[in-house]
Amino acid sequence: MPIIPTYRRQERYQAPGVQVQAQGPRRLPQAYENALQEGVTAARAVMKYMTPAVPKKKAKQTAKTAVASSKQKGSASGQAALFAASPQAETDLALRSELAERVGRLAAGGERVKTEDLDDFALSRLQAEPAQTPAVRDYMMFRAAAQADEQRQAQEENLARLQAEETLVRGVGALAPSADVLEEYLSAQVPPFEKRLQDNGADSETARKQTASLRAQTAAQCVRYSLSCGNEQTAAQVLEKYGQTMNPAEREECAQKVRFAAADLYARQLWNRARGETDGSPQACAQWVDKQTANIQNKALRQDVCRTSQTLFKQAEAELHQQQASFYRQMCKAEEAEKMRLLNAQHVLSGEEAELARREGGSVSDPEKFNKLYFSSSEKEISNALQKGQLSTQDYYLLQALRHERAAGKNETEDRLLCHGIDLWGKKKGLAEPQAQEAKYAVLSVSGGMDERLAAWRRVKALFEF
């Protein structure tokens, strides 16, 4: 007697001799899509040939012929006819085709095949089936593949959660205000994480190495964050405590950043002291800092401090030049009565330059001399022109303002293009050299920015084209 399996809701069906843990494809929609479609087509073709259609006109004659033939043929042909007409074979093939079509529809729609869906089909359609029929075997094969796919899906989700937890530990641990607080945090968070790794299939050695790497990476993140916040002391403490656990590249990176930060902090402290020990000028401060750094025994640290000192010197110089340019711009706009007050209140000019700022220049400037000195960075050339009466006091202030702005880093590309345009225009108009110099002087000597010089340039062209 065949074994008739019975099914109940919420119970897993197992057929005798069927391995439910059999390996299946990684994703059912991808693995079965084409095969299932072909299987459905094949099943329909078999059904067609097992029960061929008979034309109406020949139906009666075919029936008579079949009866006569059945009486005359031997047992072998009779058995073949019985097999072809077997209700069980037709029913079984129909069930297999129905199951394949159901799985095929899910695959074609991009859906995952779930064991619950297959179990529902088995409970509703295979209750009276023998355990070892082809339909049952197909069901068990599909179910084993779906179960394996679900297990892989669950494992992937667990791994994603572990990765998110690892990222969270690194990000939060980096905020630790001290090495001791970081150690307390990691000691509480890492052991449970290591156990979850083992629960998800990692062996003890792999889990240990991964958690050790997590501790080192979190410490490196803490060093970077502390330095970005200006907390060099915490960064140094964390590096000292966890440096040996980091990989060589990470350890060297953190050590270099800590050294740079320490050098930067020390150099700035020296510069602040230098302002009180000297007259406060960039040159005097730089000389004082150089003397202090010469006593640093650590060569790498001494070099880093010197580099930072040079940067601070350039910044201080640029700031001073900008202050001096602002003073000369004020002098250009001030009334005569206001100029003496500005001269007495200023503290950014050197003694010699302050003395020259009080001198009276010529009544008017030599246009050619002014134009030549417009882009000059030589303080001496400008001062000599003032003393020789080649520059008016107003133009002297303007040239000094331009010189200091250039030293502070101002881009003079637009001014150079404007001068080049004026030269081309003068040649096109056929102006003599004195006239060309006067035209250029009328534009460049205007106090203000580029907008004011362009307005002056339009007035000059209008005068020549009137």
Protein backbone atom coordinates (compact mmCIF):
# COMPACT_ATOMS: atom_id res chain seq x y z
CA MET A 1 0.00 0.00 0.00
CA PRO A 2 1.42 3.49 -0.80
CA ILE A 3 1.98 5.89 2.02
CA ILE A 4 -0.61 8.66 1.94
CA PRO A 5 0.85 11.80 3.58
CA THR A 6 -1.46 13.98 5.60
CA TYR A 7 -0.95 17.72 6.14
CA ARG A 8 -1.85 20.06 8.94
CA ARG A 9 -1.59 23.80 9.16
CA GLN A 10 1.67 25.15 10.72
CA GLU A 11 3.42 21.78 10.26
CA ARG A 12 6.35 21.24 7.92
CA TYR A 13 5.93 18.40 5.47
CA GLN A 14 8.82 15.94 4.97
CA ALA A 15 8.70 13.17 2.46
CA PRO A 16 10.53 9.89 3.20
CA GLY A 17 14.05 9.88 1.81
CA VAL A 18 14.04 13.56 0.78
CA GLN A 19 16.86 15.85 2.02
CA VAL A 20 15.22 19.13 2.97
CA GLN A 21 18.58 20.85 3.50
CA ALA A 22 19.60 20.30 -0.14
CA GLN A 23 21.50 23.19 -1.65
CA GLY A 24 19.46 25.49 -3.86
CA PRO A 25 20.22 28.51 -6.06
CA ARG A 26 21.10 31.79 -4.39
CA ARG A 27 18.07 33.68 -5.67
CA LEU A 28 15.06 31.70 -6.88
CA PRO A 29 13.79 34.39 -9.25
CA GLN A 30 17.10 34.24 -11.09
CA ALA A 31 17.67 30.49 -10.86
CA TYR A 32 14.26 29.23 -11.99
CA GLU A 33 12.86 31.84 -14.26
CA ASN A 34 13.81 30.32 -17.63
CA ALA A 35 13.68 26.69 -16.49
CA LEU A 36 10.21 27.08 -15.03
CA GLN A 37 8.87 28.66 -18.16
CA GLU A 38 10.30 25.81 -20.20
CA GLY A 39 8.89 23.31 -17.72
CA VAL A 40 5.42 24.77 -17.99
CA THR A 41 5.57 24.66 -21.78
CA ALA A 42 6.78 21.04 -21.73
CA ALA A 43 4.07 19.99 -19.28
CA ARG A 44 1.36 21.45 -21.48
CA ALA A 45 2.82 19.70 -24.52
CA VAL A 46 2.77 16.31 -22.74
CA MET A 47 -0.82 16.84 -21.65
CA LYS A 48 -1.73 17.63 -25.24
CA TYR A 49 -0.31 14.40 -26.61
CA MET A 50 -1.69 12.25 -23.78
CA THR A 51 -5.23 13.39 -24.54
CA PRO A 52 -5.32 14.19 -28.29
CA ALA A 53 -8.33 15.97 -29.71
CA VAL A 54 -10.63 13.98 -32.09
CA PRO A 55 -12.54 15.65 -34.94
CA LYS A 56 -16.33 15.53 -34.47
CA LYS A 57 -16.98 13.82 -37.79
CA LYS A 58 -14.65 10.96 -37.01
CA ALA A 59 -15.52 10.58 -33.34
CA LYS A 60 -18.11 7.80 -33.80
CA GLN A 61 -16.03 5.84 -36.27
CA THR A 62 -12.93 6.21 -34.09
CA ALA A 63 -14.77 4.81 -31.08
CA LYS A 64 -15.91 1.73 -33.04
CA THR A 65 -12.41 1.20 -34.39
CA ALA A 66 -10.93 1.51 -30.90
CA VAL A 67 -13.32 -1.13 -29.50
CA ALA A 68 -12.52 -3.58 -32.32
CA SER A 69 -8.84 -2.92 -32.00
CA SER A 70 -8.89 -3.54 -28.25
CA LYS A 71 -10.34 -6.99 -28.77
CA GLN A 72 -7.77 -7.98 -31.36
CA LYS A 73 -4.49 -6.56 -29.96
CA GLY A 74 -2.35 -8.38 -27.44
CA SER A 75 -1.65 -7.56 -23.79
CA ALA A 76 1.39 -5.30 -24.49
CA SER A 77 -0.60 -2.86 -26.61
CA GLY A 78 -3.41 -2.97 -24.06
CA GLN A 79 -1.04 -1.97 -21.22
CA ALA A 80 0.29 0.96 -23.26
CA ALA A 81 -3.24 2.19 -23.82
CA LEU A 82 -4.01 1.90 -20.13
CA PHE A 83 -0.88 3.94 -19.25
CA ALA A 84 -1.74 6.63 -21.74
CA ALA A 85 -5.19 6.94 -20.29
CA SER A 86 -4.07 6.69 -16.59
CA PRO A 87 -5.96 9.28 -14.51
CA GLN A 88 -3.17 9.35 -11.91
CA ALA A 89 -0.52 10.26 -14.51
CA GLU A 90 -2.69 13.05 -15.89
CA THR A 91 -3.50 14.37 -12.41
CA ASP A 92 0.13 14.25 -11.32
CA LEU A 93 1.34 16.07 -14.41
CA ALA A 94 -1.33 18.71 -13.99
CA LEU A 95 -0.26 19.29 -10.37
CA ARG A 96 3.39 19.58 -11.38
CA SER A 97 2.48 22.00 -14.13
CA GLU A 98 0.36 24.07 -11.73
CA LEU A 99 3.18 24.21 -9.16
CA ALA A 100 5.74 25.16 -11.81
CA GLU A 101 3.47 27.88 -13.15
CA ARG A 102 2.96 29.31 -9.67
CA VAL A 103 6.71 29.46 -9.03
CA GLY A 104 7.26 30.79 -12.55
CA ARG A 105 4.84 33.67 -11.99
CA LEU A 106 6.69 34.69 -8.83
CA ALA A 107 10.02 34.47 -10.64
CA ALA A 108 8.79 36.49 -13.61
CA GLY A 109 7.46 39.16 -11.25
CA GLY A 110 10.78 39.46 -9.44
CA GLU A 111 9.36 38.10 -6.18
CA ARG A 112 11.00 35.68 -3.78
CA VAL A 113 9.48 32.23 -3.46
CA LYS A 114 8.62 31.60 0.18
CA THR A 115 8.30 28.27 1.94
CA GLU A 116 4.91 29.40 3.29
CA ASP A 117 3.57 29.75 -0.26
CA LEU A 118 4.76 26.27 -1.19
CA ASP A 119 3.35 24.80 2.02
CA ASP A 120 -0.05 26.38 1.31
CA PHE A 121 -0.03 24.77 -2.12
CA ALA A 122 0.89 21.39 -0.66
CA LEU A 123 -1.83 21.56 1.99
CA SER A 124 -4.49 22.48 -0.54
CA ARG A 125 -3.47 20.41 -3.58
CA LEU A 126 -1.32 17.46 -2.43
CA GLN A 127 -3.24 16.16 0.59
CA ALA A 128 -4.25 12.91 -1.11
CA GLU A 129 -0.99 12.38 -2.97
CA PRO A 130 1.38 9.48 -2.21
CA ALA A 131 4.65 10.62 -0.66
CA GLN A 132 6.88 9.68 -3.58
CA THR A 133 4.92 10.99 -6.57
CA PRO A 134 6.65 13.30 -9.05
CA ALA A 135 4.48 16.23 -7.87
CA VAL A 136 5.58 15.73 -4.27
CA ARG A 137 9.22 15.49 -5.29
CA ASP A 138 8.92 18.75 -7.24
CA TYR A 139 7.33 20.40 -4.22
CA MET A 140 10.09 19.20 -1.89
CA MET A 141 12.80 20.39 -4.31
CA PHE A 142 11.24 23.82 -4.59
CA ARG A 143 10.79 23.99 -0.82
CA ALA A 144 14.40 23.03 -0.09
CA ALA A 145 15.63 25.72 -2.48
CA ALA A 146 13.30 28.34 -0.98
CA GLN A 147 14.40 27.41 2.54
CA ALA A 148 18.07 27.74 1.59
CA ASP A 149 17.35 31.10 0.00
CA GLU A 150 15.59 32.30 3.15
CA GLN A 151 18.51 31.19 5.28
CA ARG A 152 20.94 33.10 3.07
CA GLN A 153 18.68 36.14 3.17
CA ALA A 154 18.59 36.03 6.96
CA GLN A 155 22.37 35.68 7.08
CA GLU A 156 22.84 38.69 4.80
CA GLU A 157 20.52 40.77 6.98
CA ASN A 158 22.45 39.73 10.10
CA LEU A 159 25.74 40.70 8.46
CA ALA A 160 24.29 44.08 7.45
CA ARG A 161 23.23 44.69 11.04
CA LEU A 162 26.71 43.77 12.28
CA GLN A 163 28.32 46.17 9.81
CA ALA A 164 25.96 48.95 10.93
CA GLU A 165 26.84 48.22 14.56
CA GLU A 166 30.56 48.32 13.76
CA THR A 167 30.18 51.69 12.03
CA LEU A 168 28.22 53.01 15.00
CA VAL A 169 30.88 51.91 17.48
CA ARG A 170 33.61 53.67 15.48
CA GLY A 171 31.62 56.88 15.09
CA VAL A 172 30.50 57.17 18.71
CA GLY A 173 33.82 56.03 20.16
CA ALA A 174 35.64 58.75 18.24
CA LEU A 175 33.85 61.35 20.38
CA ALA A 176 35.51 60.15 23.60
CA PRO A 177 37.02 63.13 25.49
CA SER A 178 39.89 61.06 26.89
CA ALA A 179 41.70 57.76 26.47
CA ASP A 180 40.16 56.39 29.70
CA VAL A 181 36.62 57.18 28.58
CA LEU A 182 37.33 55.52 25.22
CA GLU A 183 38.58 52.36 26.94
CA GLU A 184 35.51 52.23 29.16
CA TYR A 185 33.24 52.56 26.13
CA LEU A 186 35.02 49.89 24.07
CA SER A 187 35.18 47.47 27.01
CA ALA A 188 31.41 47.62 27.26
CA GLN A 189 30.53 47.54 23.55
CA VAL A 190 33.07 45.23 21.93
CA PRO A 191 32.52 41.91 23.82
CA PRO A 192 28.79 41.66 22.94
CA PHE A 193 29.64 42.53 19.35
CA GLU A 194 32.25 39.75 19.26
CA LYS A 195 29.68 37.24 20.54
CA ARG A 196 27.21 38.28 17.83
CA LEU A 197 29.91 37.69 15.24
CA GLN A 198 30.39 34.14 16.51
CA ASP A 199 26.64 33.57 16.61
CA ASN A 200 26.54 34.45 12.91
CA GLY A 201 29.14 31.92 11.86
CA ALA A 202 32.52 33.55 12.56
CA ASP A 203 35.05 31.36 14.34
CA SER A 204 36.61 32.63 17.54
CA GLU A 205 39.89 33.65 15.91
CA THR A 206 38.21 35.60 13.12
CA ALA A 207 35.89 37.32 15.60
CA ARG A 208 38.83 38.23 17.83
CA LYS A 209 40.79 39.76 14.95
CA GLN A 210 37.78 41.73 13.73
CA THR A 211 37.06 43.20 17.15
CA ALA A 212 40.75 44.04 17.65
CA SER A 213 40.66 45.91 14.34
CA LEU A 214 37.49 47.69 15.46
CA ARG A 215 39.20 48.92 18.63
CA ALA A 216 42.22 50.19 16.68
CA GLN A 217 40.11 51.94 14.03
CA THR A 218 37.95 53.59 16.68
CA ALA A 219 41.07 54.86 18.43
CA ALA A 220 42.40 56.27 15.14
CA GLN A 221 39.08 58.02 14.55
CA CYS A 222 39.27 59.46 18.06
CA VAL A 223 42.76 60.84 17.33
CA ARG A 224 41.55 62.54 14.14
CA TYR A 225 38.43 63.98 15.76
CA SER A 226 40.34 65.27 18.79
CA LEU A 227 42.86 67.02 16.56
CA SER A 228 40.10 68.58 14.47
CA CYS A 229 38.64 70.03 17.70
CA GLY A 230 42.02 71.35 18.85
CA ASN A 231 42.30 68.79 21.64
CA GLU A 232 45.91 67.75 21.03
CA GLN A 233 46.33 66.33 24.53
CA THR A 234 43.55 63.76 24.12
CA ALA A 235 44.86 62.81 20.69
CA ALA A 236 48.33 62.20 22.11
CA GLN A 237 46.95 60.12 25.00
CA VAL A 238 44.83 57.94 22.72
CA LEU A 239 47.75 57.41 20.35
CA GLU A 240 50.01 56.41 23.22
CA LYS A 241 47.46 53.92 24.57
CA TYR A 242 46.29 52.36 21.29
CA GLY A 243 49.14 53.07 18.87
CA GLN A 244 50.55 49.54 19.04
CA THR A 245 47.17 48.04 18.10
CA MET A 246 46.95 50.06 14.87
CA ASN A 247 48.37 48.88 11.58
CA PRO A 248 51.66 50.57 10.56
CA ALA A 249 50.10 52.96 8.04
CA GLU A 250 47.38 54.07 10.44
CA ARG A 251 49.85 54.45 13.30
CA GLU A 252 52.21 56.56 11.18
CA GLU A 253 49.34 58.74 9.96
CA CYS A 254 48.11 59.44 13.51
CA ALA A 255 51.64 59.98 14.84
CA GLN A 256 52.39 62.47 12.07
CA LYS A 257 49.16 64.39 12.68
CA VAL A 258 49.80 64.50 16.43
CA ARG A 259 53.34 65.77 15.79
CA PHE A 260 52.11 68.43 13.37
CA ALA A 261 49.47 69.55 15.85
CA ALA A 262 52.00 69.72 18.67
CA ALA A 263 54.40 71.72 16.50
CA ASP A 264 51.63 74.08 15.41
CA LEU A 265 50.51 74.64 19.00
CA TYR A 266 54.05 75.24 20.24
CA ALA A 267 54.89 77.63 17.37
CA ARG A 268 51.75 79.70 18.04
CA GLN A 269 52.56 79.86 21.72
CA LEU A 270 56.05 81.14 20.84
CA TRP A 271 54.58 83.78 18.50
CA ASN A 272 52.25 85.01 21.22
CA ARG A 273 55.21 85.34 23.58
CA ALA A 274 57.30 87.01 20.87
CA ARG A 275 54.83 89.89 20.59
CA GLY A 276 55.51 90.72 24.23
CA GLU A 277 59.26 90.17 24.02
CA THR A 278 59.81 92.33 20.90
CA ASP A 279 58.36 95.40 19.22
CA GLY A 280 55.70 93.13 17.66
CA SER A 281 56.84 93.46 14.04
CA PRO A 282 56.82 90.25 11.96
CA GLN A 283 60.59 90.37 11.46
CA ALA A 284 61.34 90.81 15.16
CA CYS A 285 58.91 88.05 16.16
CA ALA A 286 60.37 85.65 13.60
CA GLN A 287 63.91 86.24 14.85
CA TRP A 288 62.90 85.68 18.47
CA VAL A 289 61.03 82.44 17.62
CA ASP A 290 64.01 81.15 15.64
CA LYS A 291 66.23 81.51 18.68
CA GLN A 292 63.77 79.52 20.81
CA THR A 293 63.33 76.70 18.31
CA ALA A 294 67.08 76.22 18.01
CA ASN A 295 66.98 74.62 21.49
CA ILE A 296 64.52 71.86 20.49
CA GLN A 297 66.36 68.53 20.60
CA ASN A 298 63.89 66.54 18.50
CA LYS A 299 64.91 67.26 14.90
CA ALA A 300 61.53 66.37 13.35
CA LEU A 301 59.67 68.52 15.88
CA ARG A 302 62.12 71.40 15.38
CA GLN A 303 61.57 71.30 11.60
CA ASP A 304 57.79 71.25 12.03
CA VAL A 305 57.93 74.21 14.42
CA CYS A 306 60.10 76.17 11.96
CA ARG A 307 57.69 75.48 9.10
CA THR A 308 54.76 76.65 11.18
CA SER A 309 56.74 79.71 12.27
CA GLN A 310 57.39 80.62 8.63
CA THR A 311 53.68 80.33 7.89
CA LEU A 312 52.83 82.56 10.84
CA PHE A 313 55.45 85.07 9.69
CA LYS A 314 53.92 85.29 6.21
CA GLN A 315 50.46 85.67 7.67
CA ALA A 316 51.63 88.44 10.01
CA GLU A 317 53.36 90.25 7.14
CA ALA A 318 50.29 90.05 4.93
CA GLU A 319 48.11 91.35 7.75
CA LEU A 320 50.49 94.25 8.39
CA HIS A 321 50.62 95.17 4.68
CA GLN A 322 46.83 95.18 4.57
CA GLN A 323 46.70 97.54 7.57
CA GLN A 324 49.26 99.84 5.94
CA ALA A 325 47.32 99.85 2.66
CA SER A 326 44.14 100.75 4.54
CA PHE A 327 45.95 103.66 6.20
CA TYR A 328 47.15 105.05 2.84
CA ARG A 329 43.66 104.65 1.36
CA GLN A 330 42.30 106.74 4.22
CA MET A 331 44.96 109.38 3.54
CA CYS A 332 43.89 109.51 -0.11
CA LYS A 333 40.31 110.34 0.84
CA ALA A 334 40.98 112.56 3.88
CA GLU A 335 40.79 116.33 3.90
CA GLU A 336 43.98 118.24 4.72
CA ALA A 337 42.90 118.92 8.28
CA GLU A 338 42.12 115.23 8.84
CA LYS A 339 45.43 113.92 7.51
CA MET A 340 47.50 115.12 10.47
CA ARG A 341 45.16 113.37 12.91
CA LEU A 342 45.45 110.11 10.96
CA LEU A 343 49.24 110.38 10.88
CA ASN A 344 49.41 110.86 14.64
CA ALA A 345 46.97 107.99 15.35
CA GLN A 346 48.56 105.36 13.09
CA HIS A 347 50.93 102.72 14.48
CA VAL A 348 51.46 100.50 11.42
CA LEU A 349 54.17 102.46 9.57
CA SER A 350 57.85 102.16 10.32
CA GLY A 351 59.65 105.30 11.50
CA GLU A 352 61.16 106.12 8.11
CA GLU A 353 57.93 105.48 6.21
CA ALA A 354 55.93 107.56 8.70
CA GLU A 355 58.32 110.45 8.21
CA LEU A 356 57.93 110.28 4.41
CA ALA A 357 54.15 110.23 4.78
CA ARG A 358 54.39 113.71 6.39
CA ARG A 359 56.37 115.22 3.51
CA GLU A 360 54.92 117.35 0.83
CA GLY A 361 55.50 116.17 -2.69
CA GLY A 362 55.34 118.04 -5.95
CA SER A 363 52.33 120.08 -6.94
CA VAL A 364 51.60 117.63 -9.76
CA SER A 365 52.97 114.24 -10.73
CA ASP A 366 55.00 113.36 -13.76
CA PRO A 367 52.55 111.12 -15.70
CA GLU A 368 55.26 108.93 -17.17
CA LYS A 369 56.94 108.45 -13.78
CA PHE A 370 53.64 107.68 -12.07
CA ASN A 371 52.67 105.15 -14.73
CA LYS A 372 56.05 103.46 -14.44
CA LEU A 373 55.78 103.15 -10.65
CA TYR A 374 52.15 101.99 -10.72
CA PHE A 375 53.12 98.32 -10.60
CA SER A 376 56.37 98.81 -8.68
CA SER A 377 56.98 96.86 -5.47
CA SER A 378 60.01 98.95 -4.55
CA GLU A 379 59.36 101.25 -1.61
CA LYS A 380 62.67 102.96 -2.29
CA GLU A 381 61.79 103.93 -5.87
CA ILE A 382 58.48 105.43 -4.79
CA SER A 383 60.10 107.34 -1.91
CA ASN A 384 62.84 108.73 -4.18
CA ALA A 385 60.24 109.95 -6.67
CA LEU A 386 58.44 111.78 -3.84
CA GLN A 387 61.62 113.40 -2.59
CA LYS A 388 62.53 114.54 -6.12
CA GLY A 389 59.14 116.17 -6.61
CA GLN A 390 58.11 113.73 -9.36
CA LEU A 391 55.02 112.69 -7.40
CA SER A 392 52.33 114.67 -5.68
CA THR A 393 51.58 113.76 -2.08
CA GLN A 394 48.20 112.36 -3.11
CA ASP A 395 49.75 110.13 -5.80
CA TYR A 396 52.44 109.02 -3.34
CA TYR A 397 49.72 107.79 -0.96
CA LEU A 398 47.99 105.97 -3.80
CA LEU A 399 51.16 104.22 -5.00
CA GLN A 400 52.02 103.18 -1.44
CA ALA A 401 48.52 101.78 -0.96
CA LEU A 402 48.83 99.78 -4.18
CA ARG A 403 52.28 98.48 -3.17
CA HIS A 404 51.06 97.25 0.23
CA GLU A 405 47.92 95.68 -1.27
CA ARG A 406 50.09 93.83 -3.75
CA ALA A 407 52.33 92.61 -0.91
CA ALA A 408 49.23 91.45 0.98
CA GLY A 409 48.27 89.23 -1.97
CA LYS A 410 45.94 91.34 -4.08
CA ASN A 411 45.41 90.11 -7.65
CA GLU A 412 46.34 92.86 -10.14
CA THR A 413 45.37 91.07 -13.35
CA GLU A 414 42.51 93.45 -14.12
CA ASP A 415 44.75 96.51 -13.68
CA ARG A 416 47.34 95.08 -16.07
CA LEU A 417 44.67 94.27 -18.67
CA LEU A 418 43.30 97.80 -18.37
CA CYS A 419 46.74 99.31 -18.95
CA HIS A 420 47.28 97.04 -21.94
CA GLY A 421 43.94 98.14 -23.38
CA ILE A 422 44.84 101.79 -22.92
CA ASP A 423 48.16 101.27 -24.73
CA LEU A 424 46.44 99.55 -27.67
CA TRP A 425 43.83 102.29 -27.86
CA GLY A 426 46.54 104.98 -27.86
CA LYS A 427 48.37 103.29 -30.75
CA LYS A 428 45.14 102.89 -32.66
CA LYS A 429 44.39 106.57 -32.22
CA GLY A 430 47.94 107.49 -33.20
CA LEU A 431 48.60 109.41 -29.99
CA ALA A 432 52.03 110.80 -29.34
CA GLU A 433 53.89 109.37 -26.36
CA PRO A 434 53.20 112.32 -23.99
CA GLN A 435 49.50 112.24 -24.84
CA ALA A 436 49.33 108.46 -24.34
CA GLN A 437 51.02 108.79 -20.94
CA GLU A 438 48.62 111.54 -19.89
CA ALA A 439 45.62 109.44 -20.94
CA LYS A 440 46.88 106.47 -18.92
CA TYR A 441 47.67 108.67 -15.93
CA ALA A 442 44.16 110.15 -16.00
CA VAL A 443 42.77 106.63 -15.54
CA LEU A 444 45.28 105.08 -13.12
CA SER A 445 45.55 108.03 -10.75
CA VAL A 446 41.86 107.81 -9.82
CA SER A 447 41.52 106.78 -6.20
CA GLY A 448 39.13 103.89 -5.69
CA GLY A 449 38.52 100.51 -7.22
CA MET A 450 38.19 99.15 -10.74
CA ASP A 451 34.72 100.63 -11.21
CA GLU A 452 36.09 104.14 -10.64
CA ARG A 453 39.01 103.53 -13.04
CA LEU A 454 36.67 102.24 -15.76
CA ALA A 455 34.48 105.28 -15.36
CA ALA A 456 37.57 107.49 -15.76
CA TRP A 457 38.56 105.51 -18.85
CA ARG A 458 35.17 106.14 -20.45
CA ARG A 459 35.53 109.91 -19.78
CA VAL A 460 39.00 109.94 -21.39
CA LYS A 461 37.77 108.19 -24.53
CA ALA A 462 34.82 110.55 -24.72
CA LEU A 463 37.17 113.55 -24.62
CA PHE A 464 39.25 112.27 -27.55
CA GLU A 465 36.21 111.21 -29.58
CA PHE A 466 34.15 114.37 -28.98
